[in-house]
Amino acid sequence: MVRNYQFYVYILECSDGLLYTGMTNNIDRRLKEHNAGVNPFSFTYKRRPIALLFQQEFNDIFQAYHFEARIKKWSSKKKRALANDDFDLIKILAECRNQTHSKFFSKLN
Protein backbone atom coordinates (compact mmCIF):
# COMPACT_ATOMS: atom_id res chain seq x y z
CA MET A 1 0.00 0.00 0.00
CA VAL A 2 1.36 3.40 -1.03
CA ARG A 3 0.50 6.23 1.31
CA ASN A 4 0.34 9.77 0.00
CA TYR A 5 1.74 12.38 2.33
CA GLN A 6 0.74 16.00 2.13
CA PHE A 7 2.93 18.88 3.24
CA TYR A 8 1.89 22.49 3.57
CA VAL A 9 3.81 25.72 3.45
CA TYR A 10 1.81 28.46 5.06
CA ILE A 11 1.92 32.16 5.91
CA LEU A 12 0.20 33.49 9.01
CA GLU A 13 -0.67 37.05 9.87
CA CYS A 14 -0.18 37.75 13.55
CA SER A 15 -2.27 40.14 15.63
CA ASP A 16 0.48 42.78 15.38
CA GLY A 17 0.53 42.57 11.57
CA LEU A 18 3.80 40.63 11.34
CA LEU A 19 3.93 37.55 9.12
CA TYR A 20 5.11 34.06 10.03
CA THR A 21 6.04 31.39 7.47
CA GLY A 22 6.06 27.70 8.35
CA MET A 23 5.71 24.16 7.07
CA THR A 24 3.67 21.23 8.40
CA ASN A 25 2.13 17.92 7.43
CA ASN A 26 -1.18 18.79 9.14
CA ILE A 27 -2.35 22.34 8.56
CA ASP A 28 -5.44 22.17 10.81
CA ARG A 29 -3.49 20.83 13.78
CA ARG A 30 -0.69 23.35 13.29
CA LEU A 31 -3.07 26.32 13.16
CA LYS A 32 -4.72 25.15 16.38
CA GLU A 33 -1.29 24.84 18.00
CA HIS A 34 -0.36 28.38 16.95
CA ASN A 35 -3.63 29.83 18.26
CA ALA A 36 -3.51 27.81 21.49
CA GLY A 37 0.02 28.97 22.25
CA VAL A 38 1.44 25.48 22.74
CA ASN A 39 5.05 26.71 22.63
CA PRO A 40 5.70 29.83 24.76
CA PHE A 41 9.04 30.35 22.94
CA SER A 42 7.52 30.45 19.44
CA PHE A 43 7.36 33.58 17.29
CA THR A 44 3.55 33.55 17.30
CA TYR A 45 3.03 32.96 21.04
CA LYS A 46 2.74 36.63 22.05
CA ARG A 47 1.24 37.62 18.72
CA ARG A 48 -2.00 35.67 18.92
CA PRO A 49 -4.55 35.38 17.51
CA ILE A 50 -3.15 34.44 14.13
CA ALA A 51 -4.91 34.22 10.78
CA LEU A 52 -4.02 32.00 7.84
CA LEU A 53 -3.09 34.18 4.86
CA PHE A 54 -1.75 31.55 2.48
CA GLN A 55 -1.21 27.83 2.15
CA GLN A 56 0.31 25.71 -0.59
CA GLU A 57 0.08 21.93 -0.64
CA PHE A 58 2.97 19.69 -1.72
CA ASN A 59 3.30 15.94 -2.21
CA ASP A 60 7.08 16.10 -1.85
CA ILE A 61 8.67 17.19 1.44
CA PHE A 62 11.79 18.44 -0.35
CA GLN A 63 9.79 20.76 -2.60
CA ALA A 64 7.88 22.04 0.43
CA TYR A 65 11.08 22.60 2.38
CA HIS A 66 12.74 24.52 -0.47
CA PHE A 67 9.66 26.63 -1.11
CA GLU A 68 9.40 27.51 2.59
CA ALA A 69 13.11 28.41 2.75
CA ARG A 70 12.71 30.59 -0.33
CA ILE A 71 9.70 32.58 0.81
CA LYS A 72 11.02 33.00 4.37
CA LYS A 73 13.58 35.37 2.83
CA TRP A 74 10.90 37.45 1.10
CA SER A 75 9.64 40.82 2.30
CA SER A 76 6.21 41.03 3.86
CA LYS A 77 4.98 42.92 0.77
CA LYS A 78 6.08 40.07 -1.46
CA LYS A 79 4.48 37.46 0.85
CA ARG A 80 1.20 39.42 0.84
CA ALA A 81 1.33 39.58 -2.97
CA LEU A 82 1.72 35.78 -3.02
CA ALA A 83 -1.27 35.41 -0.69
CA ASN A 84 -3.31 37.63 -3.03
CA ASP A 85 -2.19 35.75 -6.19
CA ASP A 86 -0.66 39.01 -7.45
CA PHE A 87 2.17 37.50 -9.48
CA ASP A 88 2.84 40.74 -11.37
CA LEU A 89 3.56 42.50 -8.07
CA ILE A 90 5.81 39.64 -6.95
CA LYS A 91 7.86 40.13 -10.12
CA ILE A 92 8.11 43.89 -9.53
CA LEU A 93 9.09 43.42 -5.89
CA ALA A 94 11.73 40.85 -6.87
CA GLU A 95 13.60 43.28 -9.10
CA CYS A 96 16.91 44.58 -7.85
CA ARG A 97 16.64 48.33 -7.25
CA ASN A 98 20.18 49.39 -6.40
CA GLN A 99 22.17 51.63 -8.73
CA THR A 100 24.76 48.96 -9.54
CA HIS A 101 22.15 46.67 -11.09
CA SER A 102 22.71 46.06 -14.80
CA LYS A 103 19.34 47.64 -15.58
CA PHE A 104 20.66 50.98 -14.32
CA PHE A 105 24.40 50.53 -14.95
CA SER A 106 24.27 51.30 -18.67
CA LYS A 107 22.46 54.59 -17.93
CA LEU A 108 25.22 55.66 -15.54
CA ASN A 109 28.05 55.26 -18.06
PDB file of N, CA and C in Angstrom:
ATOM      1  N   MET A   1       0.841  -1.178   0.000  1.00  0.00           N
ATOM      2  CA  MET A   1       0.000   0.000   0.000  1.00  0.00           C
ATOM      3  C   MET A   1       0.889   1.246   0.000  1.00  0.00           C
ATOM      4  N   VAL A   2       0.630   2.148  -0.930  1.00  0.00           N
ATOM      5  CA  VAL A   2       1.364   3.403  -1.029  1.00  0.00           C
ATOM      6  C   VAL A   2       0.551   4.487  -0.345  1.00  0.00           C
ATOM      7  N   ARG A   3       1.193   5.169   0.585  1.00  0.00           N
ATOM      8  CA  ARG A   3       0.502   6.232   1.313  1.00  0.00           C
ATOM      9  C   ARG A   3       0.964   7.578   0.780  1.00  0.00           C
ATOM     10  N   ASN A   4       0.014   8.425   0.469  1.00  0.00           N
ATOM     11  CA  ASN A   4       0.336   9.767   0.005  1.00  0.00           C
ATOM     12  C   ASN A   4       0.442  10.701   1.194  1.00  0.00           C
ATOM     13  N   TYR A   5       1.552  11.390   1.282  1.00  0.00           N
ATOM     14  CA  TYR A   5       1.743  12.384   2.332  1.00  0.00           C
ATOM     15  C   TYR A   5       1.527  13.762   1.739  1.00  0.00           C
ATOM     16  N   GLN A   6       0.947  14.624   2.543  1.00  0.00           N
ATOM     17  CA  GLN A   6       0.736  16.000   2.133  1.00  0.00           C
ATOM     18  C   GLN A   6       1.550  16.897   3.060  1.00  0.00           C
ATOM     19  N   PHE A   7       2.165  17.903   2.486  1.00  0.00           N
ATOM     20  CA  PHE A   7       2.928  18.881   3.242  1.00  0.00           C
ATOM     21  C   PHE A   7       2.425  20.259   2.854  1.00  0.00           C
ATOM     22  N   TYR A   8       2.427  21.155   3.793  1.00  0.00           N
ATOM     23  CA  TYR A   8       1.891  22.491   3.566  1.00  0.00           C
ATOM     24  C   TYR A   8       2.915  23.539   3.967  1.00  0.00           C
ATOM     25  N   VAL A   9       3.082  24.517   3.104  1.00  0.00           N
ATOM     26  CA  VAL A   9       3.812  25.722   3.447  1.00  0.00           C
ATOM     27  C   VAL A   9       2.740  26.777   3.645  1.00  0.00           C
ATOM     28  N   TYR A  10       2.865  27.520   4.735  1.00  0.00           N
ATOM     29  CA  TYR A  10       1.810  28.464   5.062  1.00  0.00           C
ATOM     30  C   TYR A  10       2.387  29.791   5.544  1.00  0.00           C
ATOM     31  N   ILE A  11       1.579  30.831   5.404  1.00  0.00           N
ATOM     32  CA  ILE A  11       1.920  32.158   5.906  1.00  0.00           C
ATOM     33  C   ILE A  11       0.789  32.583   6.825  1.00  0.00           C
ATOM     34  N   LEU A  12       1.165  33.000   8.028  1.00  0.00           N
ATOM     35  CA  LEU A  12       0.204  33.488   9.010  1.00  0.00           C
ATOM     36  C   LEU A  12       0.368  34.988   9.184  1.00  0.00           C
ATOM     37  N   GLU A  13      -0.739  35.658   9.443  1.00  0.00           N
ATOM     38  CA  GLU A  13      -0.668  37.053   9.873  1.00  0.00           C
ATOM     39  C   GLU A  13      -0.953  37.075  11.359  1.00  0.00           C
ATOM     40  N   CYS A  14      -0.036  37.665  12.098  1.00  0.00           N
ATOM     41  CA  CYS A  14      -0.175  37.748  13.552  1.00  0.00           C
ATOM     42  C   CYS A  14      -1.004  38.980  13.925  1.00  0.00           C
ATOM     43  N   SER A  15      -1.434  39.035  15.163  1.00  0.00           N
ATOM     44  CA  SER A  15      -2.274  40.139  15.632  1.00  0.00           C
ATOM     45  C   SER A  15      -1.585  41.495  15.513  1.00  0.00           C
ATOM     46  N   ASP A  16      -0.257  41.520  15.520  1.00  0.00           N
ATOM     47  CA  ASP A  16       0.479  42.778  15.383  1.00  0.00           C
ATOM     48  C   ASP A  16       0.824  43.107  13.928  1.00  0.00           C
ATOM     49  N   GLY A  17       0.314  42.313  12.983  1.00  0.00           N
ATOM     50  CA  GLY A  17       0.533  42.565  11.565  1.00  0.00           C
ATOM     51  C   GLY A  17       1.765  41.896  10.985  1.00  0.00           C
ATOM     52  N   LEU A  18       2.623  41.334  11.842  1.00  0.00           N
ATOM     53  CA  LEU A  18       3.797  40.628  11.338  1.00  0.00           C
ATOM     54  C   LEU A  18       3.388  39.291  10.725  1.00  0.00           C
ATOM     55  N   LEU A  19       4.217  38.798   9.815  1.00  0.00           N
ATOM     56  CA  LEU A  19       3.928  37.549   9.124  1.00  0.00           C
ATOM     57  C   LEU A  19       4.865  36.456   9.612  1.00  0.00           C
ATOM     58  N   TYR A  20       4.341  35.239   9.642  1.00  0.00           N
ATOM     59  CA  TYR A  20       5.111  34.058  10.028  1.00  0.00           C
ATOM     60  C   TYR A  20       4.961  33.031   8.920  1.00  0.00           C
ATOM     61  N   THR A  21       6.059  32.423   8.510  1.00  0.00           N
ATOM     62  CA  THR A  21       6.044  31.389   7.474  1.00  0.00           C
ATOM     63  C   THR A  21       6.467  30.068   8.087  1.00  0.00           C
ATOM     64  N   GLY A  22       5.730  29.010   7.793  1.00  0.00           N
ATOM     65  CA  GLY A  22       6.057  27.703   8.346  1.00  0.00           C
ATOM     66  C   GLY A  22       5.699  26.581   7.397  1.00  0.00           C
ATOM     67  N   MET A  23       5.991  25.361   7.850  1.00  0.00           N
ATOM     68  CA  MET A  23       5.706  24.157   7.070  1.00  0.00           C
ATOM     69  C   MET A  23       5.197  23.085   8.029  1.00  0.00           C
ATOM     70  N   THR A  24       4.248  22.290   7.574  1.00  0.00           N
ATOM     71  CA  THR A  24       3.670  21.235   8.401  1.00  0.00           C
ATOM     72  C   THR A  24       3.120  20.123   7.525  1.00  0.00           C
ATOM     73  N   ASN A  25       2.811  18.989   8.149  1.00  0.00           N
ATOM     74  CA  ASN A  25       2.129  17.917   7.428  1.00  0.00           C
ATOM     75  C   ASN A  25       0.654  17.848   7.816  1.00  0.00           C
ATOM     76  N   ASN A  26       0.221  18.742   8.724  1.00  0.00           N
ATOM     77  CA  ASN A  26      -1.178  18.786   9.136  1.00  0.00           C
ATOM     78  C   ASN A  26      -1.539  20.236   9.431  1.00  0.00           C
ATOM     79  N   ILE A  27      -2.098  20.907   8.450  1.00  0.00           N
ATOM     80  CA  ILE A  27      -2.348  22.343   8.555  1.00  0.00           C
ATOM     81  C   ILE A  27      -3.365  22.677   9.650  1.00  0.00           C
ATOM     82  N   ASP A  28      -4.421  21.880   9.785  1.00  0.00           N
ATOM     83  CA  ASP A  28      -5.437  22.166  10.807  1.00  0.00           C
ATOM     84  C   ASP A  28      -4.855  22.070  12.217  1.00  0.00           C
ATOM     85  N   ARG A  29      -4.111  21.001  12.461  1.00  0.00           N
ATOM     86  CA  ARG A  29      -3.487  20.825  13.776  1.00  0.00           C
ATOM     87  C   ARG A  29      -2.515  21.956  14.072  1.00  0.00           C
ATOM     88  N   ARG A  30      -1.720  22.315  13.080  1.00  0.00           N
ATOM     89  CA  ARG A  30      -0.693  23.346  13.290  1.00  0.00           C
ATOM     90  C   ARG A  30      -1.314  24.700  13.576  1.00  0.00           C
ATOM     91  N   LEU A  31      -2.398  25.052  12.897  1.00  0.00           N
ATOM     92  CA  LEU A  31      -3.066  26.325  13.156  1.00  0.00           C
ATOM     93  C   LEU A  31      -3.638  26.353  14.571  1.00  0.00           C
ATOM     94  N   LYS A  32      -4.204  25.238  15.006  1.00  0.00           N
ATOM     95  CA  LYS A  32      -4.723  25.152  16.377  1.00  0.00           C
ATOM     96  C   LYS A  32      -3.594  25.319  17.384  1.00  0.00           C
ATOM     97  N   GLU A  33      -2.445  24.715  17.105  1.00  0.00           N
ATOM     98  CA  GLU A  33      -1.292  24.843  18.004  1.00  0.00           C
ATOM     99  C   GLU A  33      -0.821  26.294  18.094  1.00  0.00           C
ATOM    100  N   HIS A  34      -0.759  26.961  16.942  1.00  0.00           N
ATOM    101  CA  HIS A  34      -0.357  28.376  16.951  1.00  0.00           C
ATOM    102  C   HIS A  34      -1.327  29.210  17.779  1.00  0.00           C
ATOM    103  N   ASN A  35      -2.624  29.032  17.546  1.00  0.00           N
ATOM    104  CA  ASN A  35      -3.627  29.833  18.258  1.00  0.00           C
ATOM    105  C   ASN A  35      -3.729  29.478  19.738  1.00  0.00           C
ATOM    106  N   ALA A  36      -3.444  28.225  20.082  1.00  0.00           N
ATOM    107  CA  ALA A  36      -3.506  27.807  21.491  1.00  0.00           C
ATOM    108  C   ALA A  36      -2.263  28.234  22.265  1.00  0.00           C
ATOM    109  N   GLY A  37      -1.199  28.575  21.569  1.00  0.00           N
ATOM    110  CA  GLY A  37       0.025  28.974  22.245  1.00  0.00           C
ATOM    111  C   GLY A  37       0.731  27.807  22.908  1.00  0.00           C
ATOM    112  N   VAL A  38       0.841  26.700  22.200  1.00  0.00           N
ATOM    113  CA  VAL A  38       1.444  25.480  22.735  1.00  0.00           C
ATOM    114  C   VAL A  38       2.905  25.703  23.129  1.00  0.00           C
ATOM    115  N   ASN A  39       3.632  26.484  22.354  1.00  0.00           N
ATOM    116  CA  ASN A  39       5.052  26.714  22.626  1.00  0.00           C
ATOM    117  C   ASN A  39       5.273  28.175  23.027  1.00  0.00           C
ATOM    118  N   PRO A  40       5.530  28.435  24.313  1.00  0.00           N
ATOM    119  CA  PRO A  40       5.698  29.826  24.756  1.00  0.00           C
ATOM    120  C   PRO A  40       6.941  30.515  24.182  1.00  0.00           C
ATOM    121  N   PHE A  41       7.833  29.762  23.542  1.00  0.00           N
ATOM    122  CA  PHE A  41       9.037  30.346  22.943  1.00  0.00           C
ATOM    123  C   PHE A  41       8.891  30.594  21.444  1.00  0.00           C
ATOM    124  N   SER A  42       7.720  30.287  20.885  1.00  0.00           N
ATOM    125  CA  SER A  42       7.522  30.451  19.444  1.00  0.00           C
ATOM    126  C   SER A  42       7.279  31.915  19.079  1.00  0.00           C
ATOM    127  N   PHE A  43       7.543  32.233  17.829  1.00  0.00           N
ATOM    128  CA  PHE A  43       7.358  33.582  17.295  1.00  0.00           C
ATOM    129  C   PHE A  43       5.916  34.058  17.470  1.00  0.00           C
ATOM    130  N   THR A  44       4.957  33.157  17.295  1.00  0.00           N
ATOM    131  CA  THR A  44       3.548  33.546  17.305  1.00  0.00           C
ATOM    132  C   THR A  44       2.924  33.589  18.698  1.00  0.00           C
ATOM    133  N   TYR A  45       3.617  33.104  19.706  1.00  0.00           N
ATOM    134  CA  TYR A  45       3.027  32.959  21.041  1.00  0.00           C
ATOM    135  C   TYR A  45       2.443  34.276  21.570  1.00  0.00           C
ATOM    136  N   LYS A  46       3.201  35.338  21.530  1.00  0.00           N
ATOM    137  CA  LYS A  46       2.741  36.634  22.052  1.00  0.00           C
ATOM    138  C   LYS A  46       2.043  37.467  20.982  1.00  0.00           C
ATOM    139  N   ARG A  47       1.842  36.889  19.833  1.00  0.00           N
ATOM    140  CA  ARG A  47       1.241  37.615  18.715  1.00  0.00           C
ATOM    141  C   ARG A  47      -0.110  37.023  18.308  1.00  0.00           C
ATOM    142  N   ARG A  48      -0.713  36.278  19.201  1.00  0.00           N
ATOM    143  CA  ARG A  48      -2.003  35.667  18.917  1.00  0.00           C
ATOM    144  C   ARG A  48      -3.115  36.696  19.082  1.00  0.00           C
ATOM    145  N   PRO A  49      -4.234  36.510  18.395  1.00  0.00           N
ATOM    146  CA  PRO A  49      -4.550  35.384  17.506  1.00  0.00           C
ATOM    147  C   PRO A  49      -3.862  35.549  16.155  1.00  0.00           C
ATOM    148  N   ILE A  50      -3.745  34.451  15.465  1.00  0.00           N
ATOM    149  CA  ILE A  50      -3.150  34.439  14.132  1.00  0.00           C
ATOM    150  C   ILE A  50      -4.241  34.135  13.111  1.00  0.00           C
ATOM    151  N   ALA A  51      -3.974  34.516  11.872  1.00  0.00           N
ATOM    152  CA  ALA A  51      -4.912  34.224  10.777  1.00  0.00           C
ATOM    153  C   ALA A  51      -4.114  33.636   9.619  1.00  0.00           C
ATOM    154  N   LEU A  52      -4.665  32.634   8.996  1.00  0.00           N
ATOM    155  CA  LEU A  52      -4.020  32.004   7.844  1.00  0.00           C
ATOM    156  C   LEU A  52      -4.186  32.901   6.623  1.00  0.00           C
ATOM    157  N   LEU A  53      -3.065  33.350   6.062  1.00  0.00           N
ATOM    158  CA  LEU A  53      -3.087  34.180   4.859  1.00  0.00           C
ATOM    159  C   LEU A  53      -2.937  33.351   3.593  1.00  0.00           C
ATOM    160  N   PHE A  54      -2.112  32.299   3.678  1.00  0.00           N
ATOM    161  CA  PHE A  54      -1.746  31.552   2.476  1.00  0.00           C
ATOM    162  C   PHE A  54      -1.369  30.136   2.867  1.00  0.00           C
ATOM    163  N   GLN A  55      -1.698  29.200   2.002  1.00  0.00           N
ATOM    164  CA  GLN A  55      -1.208  27.831   2.148  1.00  0.00           C
ATOM    165  C   GLN A  55      -1.020  27.223   0.774  1.00  0.00           C
ATOM    166  N   GLN A  56       0.030  26.427   0.647  1.00  0.00           N
ATOM    167  CA  GLN A  56       0.310  25.709  -0.595  1.00  0.00           C
ATOM    168  C   GLN A  56       0.585  24.264  -0.230  1.00  0.00           C
ATOM    169  N   GLU A  57      -0.069  23.358  -0.913  1.00  0.00           N
ATOM    170  CA  GLU A  57       0.080  21.932  -0.638  1.00  0.00           C
ATOM    171  C   GLU A  57       1.137  21.321  -1.551  1.00  0.00           C
ATOM    172  N   PHE A  58       1.928  20.405  -0.982  1.00  0.00           N
ATOM    173  CA  PHE A  58       2.969  19.693  -1.717  1.00  0.00           C
ATOM    174  C   PHE A  58       2.857  18.205  -1.425  1.00  0.00           C
ATOM    175  N   ASN A  59       3.214  17.384  -2.401  1.00  0.00           N
ATOM    176  CA  ASN A  59       3.300  15.935  -2.210  1.00  0.00           C
ATOM    177  C   ASN A  59       4.722  15.507  -1.868  1.00  0.00           C
ATOM    178  N   ASP A  60       5.661  16.398  -2.042  1.00  0.00           N
ATOM    179  CA  ASP A  60       7.079  16.099  -1.851  1.00  0.00           C
ATOM    180  C   ASP A  60       7.636  16.999  -0.751  1.00  0.00           C
ATOM    181  N   ILE A  61       8.156  16.412   0.307  1.00  0.00           N
ATOM    182  CA  ILE A  61       8.668  17.190   1.439  1.00  0.00           C
ATOM    183  C   ILE A  61       9.833  18.085   1.036  1.00  0.00           C
ATOM    184  N   PHE A  62      10.646  17.646   0.079  1.00  0.00           N
ATOM    185  CA  PHE A  62      11.793  18.443  -0.345  1.00  0.00           C
ATOM    186  C   PHE A  62      11.354  19.707  -1.087  1.00  0.00           C
ATOM    187  N   GLN A  63      10.320  19.578  -1.912  1.00  0.00           N
ATOM    188  CA  GLN A  63       9.789  20.758  -2.596  1.00  0.00           C
ATOM    189  C   GLN A  63       9.196  21.733  -1.583  1.00  0.00           C
ATOM    190  N   ALA A  64       8.465  21.196  -0.607  1.00  0.00           N
ATOM    191  CA  ALA A  64       7.877  22.041   0.426  1.00  0.00           C
ATOM    192  C   ALA A  64       8.966  22.761   1.217  1.00  0.00           C
ATOM    193  N   TYR A  65       9.991  22.025   1.608  1.00  0.00           N
ATOM    194  CA  TYR A  65      11.084  22.601   2.383  1.00  0.00           C
ATOM    195  C   TYR A  65      11.775  23.731   1.615  1.00  0.00           C
ATOM    196  N   HIS A  66      12.064  23.505   0.331  1.00  0.00           N
ATOM    197  CA  HIS A  66      12.743  24.520  -0.471  1.00  0.00           C
ATOM    198  C   HIS A  66      11.851  25.736  -0.730  1.00  0.00           C
ATOM    199  N   PHE A  67      10.572  25.514  -0.919  1.00  0.00           N
ATOM    200  CA  PHE A  67       9.655  26.634  -1.113  1.00  0.00           C
ATOM    201  C   PHE A  67       9.564  27.463   0.167  1.00  0.00           C
ATOM    202  N   GLU A  68       9.454  26.790   1.312  1.00  0.00           N
ATOM    203  CA  GLU A  68       9.398  27.512   2.588  1.00  0.00           C
ATOM    204  C   GLU A  68      10.678  28.326   2.804  1.00  0.00           C
ATOM    205  N   ALA A  69      11.829  27.711   2.563  1.00  0.00           N
ATOM    206  CA  ALA A  69      13.109  28.410   2.746  1.00  0.00           C
ATOM    207  C   ALA A  69      13.200  29.626   1.828  1.00  0.00           C
ATOM    208  N   ARG A  70      12.679  29.486   0.640  1.00  0.00           N
ATOM    209  CA  ARG A  70      12.711  30.587  -0.325  1.00  0.00           C
ATOM    210  C   ARG A  70      11.837  31.750   0.113  1.00  0.00           C
ATOM    211  N   ILE A  71      10.590  31.467   0.483  1.00  0.00           N
ATOM    212  CA  ILE A  71       9.700  32.585   0.807  1.00  0.00           C
ATOM    213  C   ILE A  71       9.964  33.163   2.197  1.00  0.00           C
ATOM    214  N   LYS A  72      10.645  32.425   3.069  1.00  0.00           N
ATOM    215  CA  LYS A  72      11.019  32.997   4.366  1.00  0.00           C
ATOM    216  C   LYS A  72      11.922  34.213   4.188  1.00  0.00           C
ATOM    217  N   LYS A  73      12.665  34.263   3.094  1.00  0.00           N
ATOM    218  CA  LYS A  73      13.580  35.374   2.829  1.00  0.00           C
ATOM    219  C   LYS A  73      12.870  36.572   2.194  1.00  0.00           C
ATOM    220  N   TRP A  74      11.637  36.395   1.777  1.00  0.00           N
ATOM    221  CA  TRP A  74      10.901  37.450   1.101  1.00  0.00           C
ATOM    222  C   TRP A  74      10.451  38.536   2.074  1.00  0.00           C
ATOM    223  N   SER A  75      10.216  39.720   1.524  1.00  0.00           N
ATOM    224  CA  SER A  75       9.645  40.820   2.305  1.00  0.00           C
ATOM    225  C   SER A  75       8.174  40.526   2.592  1.00  0.00           C
ATOM    226  N   SER A  76       7.630  41.220   3.553  1.00  0.00           N
ATOM    227  CA  SER A  76       6.208  41.026   3.865  1.00  0.00           C
ATOM    228  C   SER A  76       5.331  41.462   2.689  1.00  0.00           C
ATOM    229  N   LYS A  77       5.756  42.481   1.942  1.00  0.00           N
ATOM    230  CA  LYS A  77       4.980  42.925   0.767  1.00  0.00           C
ATOM    231  C   LYS A  77       4.912  41.805  -0.271  1.00  0.00           C
ATOM    232  N   LYS A  78       6.035  41.151  -0.473  1.00  0.00           N
ATOM    233  CA  LYS A  78       6.077  40.067  -1.459  1.00  0.00           C
ATOM    234  C   LYS A  78       5.251  38.871  -0.994  1.00  0.00           C
ATOM    235  N   LYS A  79       5.294  38.556   0.308  1.00  0.00           N
ATOM    236  CA  LYS A  79       4.477  37.461   0.847  1.00  0.00           C
ATOM    237  C   LYS A  79       2.989  37.774   0.728  1.00  0.00           C
ATOM    238  N   ARG A  80       2.616  39.032   0.975  1.00  0.00           N
ATOM    239  CA  ARG A  80       1.202  39.418   0.836  1.00  0.00           C
ATOM    240  C   ARG A  80       0.761  39.349  -0.622  1.00  0.00           C
ATOM    241  N   ALA A  81       1.650  39.695  -1.538  1.00  0.00           N
ATOM    242  CA  ALA A  81       1.332  39.577  -2.966  1.00  0.00           C
ATOM    243  C   ALA A  81       1.100  38.117  -3.334  1.00  0.00           C
ATOM    244  N   LEU A  82       1.914  37.218  -2.790  1.00  0.00           N
ATOM    245  CA  LEU A  82       1.716  35.783  -3.023  1.00  0.00           C
ATOM    246  C   LEU A  82       0.356  35.342  -2.496  1.00  0.00           C
ATOM    247  N   ALA A  83       0.019  35.777  -1.298  1.00  0.00           N
ATOM    248  CA  ALA A  83      -1.267  35.412  -0.691  1.00  0.00           C
ATOM    249  C   ALA A  83      -2.447  35.925  -1.511  1.00  0.00           C
ATOM    250  N   ASN A  84      -2.245  37.038  -2.210  1.00  0.00           N
ATOM    251  CA  ASN A  84      -3.306  37.627  -3.031  1.00  0.00           C
ATOM    252  C   ASN A  84      -3.235  37.205  -4.495  1.00  0.00           C
ATOM    253  N   ASP A  85      -2.374  36.216  -4.806  1.00  0.00           N
ATOM    254  CA  ASP A  85      -2.189  35.748  -6.185  1.00  0.00           C
ATOM    255  C   ASP A  85      -1.817  36.879  -7.135  1.00  0.00           C
ATOM    256  N   ASP A  86      -1.077  37.872  -6.637  1.00  0.00           N
ATOM    257  CA  ASP A  86      -0.659  39.009  -7.452  1.00  0.00           C
ATOM    258  C   ASP A  86       0.757  38.758  -7.959  1.00  0.00           C
ATOM    259  N   PHE A  87       0.870  37.925  -8.980  1.00  0.00           N
ATOM    260  CA  PHE A  87       2.165  37.498  -9.485  1.00  0.00           C
ATOM    261  C   PHE A  87       2.910  38.618 -10.204  1.00  0.00           C
ATOM    262  N   ASP A  88       2.187  39.579 -10.755  1.00  0.00           N
ATOM    263  CA  ASP A  88       2.837  40.739 -11.371  1.00  0.00           C
ATOM    264  C   ASP A  88       3.563  41.560 -10.303  1.00  0.00           C
ATOM    265  N   LEU A  89       2.929  41.756  -9.156  1.00  0.00           N
ATOM    266  CA  LEU A  89       3.555  42.501  -8.070  1.00  0.00           C
ATOM    267  C   LEU A  89       4.754  41.746  -7.510  1.00  0.00           C
ATOM    268  N   ILE A  90       4.662  40.432  -7.417  1.00  0.00           N
ATOM    269  CA  ILE A  90       5.806  39.637  -6.947  1.00  0.00           C
ATOM    270  C   ILE A  90       7.007  39.886  -7.860  1.00  0.00           C
ATOM    271  N   LYS A  91       6.773  39.902  -9.160  1.00  0.00           N
ATOM    272  CA  LYS A  91       7.858  40.132 -10.118  1.00  0.00           C
ATOM    273  C   LYS A  91       8.463  41.520  -9.934  1.00  0.00           C
ATOM    274  N   ILE A  92       7.624  42.512  -9.739  1.00  0.00           N
ATOM    275  CA  ILE A  92       8.106  43.886  -9.525  1.00  0.00           C
ATOM    276  C   ILE A  92       8.918  43.969  -8.238  1.00  0.00           C
ATOM    277  N   LEU A  93       8.406  43.370  -7.175  1.00  0.00           N
ATOM    278  CA  LEU A  93       9.089  43.423  -5.885  1.00  0.00           C
ATOM    279  C   LEU A  93      10.393  42.626  -5.886  1.00  0.00           C
ATOM    280  N   ALA A  94      10.523  41.680  -6.797  1.00  0.00           N
ATOM    281  CA  ALA A  94      11.729  40.855  -6.868  1.00  0.00           C
ATOM    282  C   ALA A  94      12.869  41.542  -7.604  1.00  0.00           C
ATOM    283  N   GLU A  95      12.561  42.593  -8.341  1.00  0.00           N
ATOM    284  CA  GLU A  95      13.604  43.281  -9.105  1.00  0.00           C
ATOM    285  C   GLU A  95      14.596  43.974  -8.182  1.00  0.00           C
ATOM    286  N   CYS A  96      15.848  43.874  -8.568  1.00  0.00           N
ATOM    287  CA  CYS A  96      16.908  44.585  -7.854  1.00  0.00           C
ATOM    288  C   CYS A  96      16.739  46.074  -8.120  1.00  0.00           C
ATOM    289  N   ARG A  97      16.867  46.900  -7.098  1.00  0.00           N
ATOM    290  CA  ARG A  97      16.644  48.330  -7.252  1.00  0.00           C
ATOM    291  C   ARG A  97      17.879  49.192  -6.967  1.00  0.00           C
ATOM    292  N   ASN A  98      19.016  48.552  -6.705  1.00  0.00           N
ATOM    293  CA  ASN A  98      20.178  49.394  -6.404  1.00  0.00           C
ATOM    294  C   ASN A  98      20.816  49.912  -7.684  1.00  0.00           C
ATOM    295  N   GLN A  99      21.623  50.949  -7.561  1.00  0.00           N
ATOM    296  CA  GLN A  99      22.168  51.630  -8.735  1.00  0.00           C
ATOM    297  C   GLN A  99      23.227  50.824  -9.469  1.00  0.00           C
ATOM    298  N   THR A 100      23.748  49.771  -8.859  1.00  0.00           N
ATOM    299  CA  THR A 100      24.760  48.963  -9.543  1.00  0.00           C
ATOM    300  C   THR A 100      24.142  47.842 -10.370  1.00  0.00           C
ATOM    301  N   HIS A 101      22.829  47.705 -10.309  1.00  0.00           N
ATOM    302  CA  HIS A 101      22.150  46.670 -11.088  1.00  0.00           C
ATOM    303  C   HIS A 101      22.327  46.952 -12.581  1.00  0.00           C
ATOM    304  N   SER A 102      22.453  45.903 -13.365  1.00  0.00           N
ATOM    305  CA  SER A 102      22.707  46.061 -14.804  1.00  0.00           C
ATOM    306  C   SER A 102      21.633  46.885 -15.504  1.00  0.00           C
ATOM    307  N   LYS A 103      20.437  46.867 -14.988  1.00  0.00           N
ATOM    308  CA  LYS A 103      19.341  47.635 -15.582  1.00  0.00           C
ATOM    309  C   LYS A 103      19.651  49.134 -15.539  1.00  0.00           C
ATOM    310  N   PHE A 104      20.353  49.570 -14.491  1.00  0.00           N
ATOM    311  CA  PHE A 104      20.656  50.976 -14.316  1.00  0.00           C
ATOM    312  C   PHE A 104      22.095  51.313 -14.706  1.00  0.00           C
ATOM    313  N   PHE A 105      22.974  50.302 -14.729  1.00  0.00           N
ATOM    314  CA  PHE A 105      24.397  50.526 -14.947  1.00  0.00           C
ATOM    315  C   PHE A 105      24.668  51.185 -16.285  1.00  0.00           C
ATOM    316  N   SER A 106      24.016  50.748 -17.342  1.00  0.00           N
ATOM    317  CA  SER A 106      24.274  51.305 -18.671  1.00  0.00           C
ATOM    318  C   SER A 106      23.856  52.768 -18.738  1.00  0.00           C
ATOM    319  N   LYS A 107      22.900  53.191 -17.948  1.00  0.00           N
ATOM    320  CA  LYS A 107      22.459  54.586 -17.934  1.00  0.00           C
ATOM    321  C   LYS A 107      23.459  55.480 -17.209  1.00  0.00           C
ATOM    322  N   LEU A 108      24.256  54.886 -16.315  1.00  0.00           N
ATOM    323  CA  LEU A 108      25.219  55.665 -15.535  1.00  0.00           C
ATOM    324  C   LEU A 108      26.479  55.947 -16.323  1.00  0.00           C
ATOM    325  N   ASN A 109      26.802  55.110 -17.312  1.00  0.00           N
ATOM    326  CA  ASN A 109      28.049  55.259 -18.061  1.00  0.00           C
ATOM    327  C   ASN A 109      27.853  56.033 -19.344  1.00  0.00           C
TER     328      ASN A 109
END
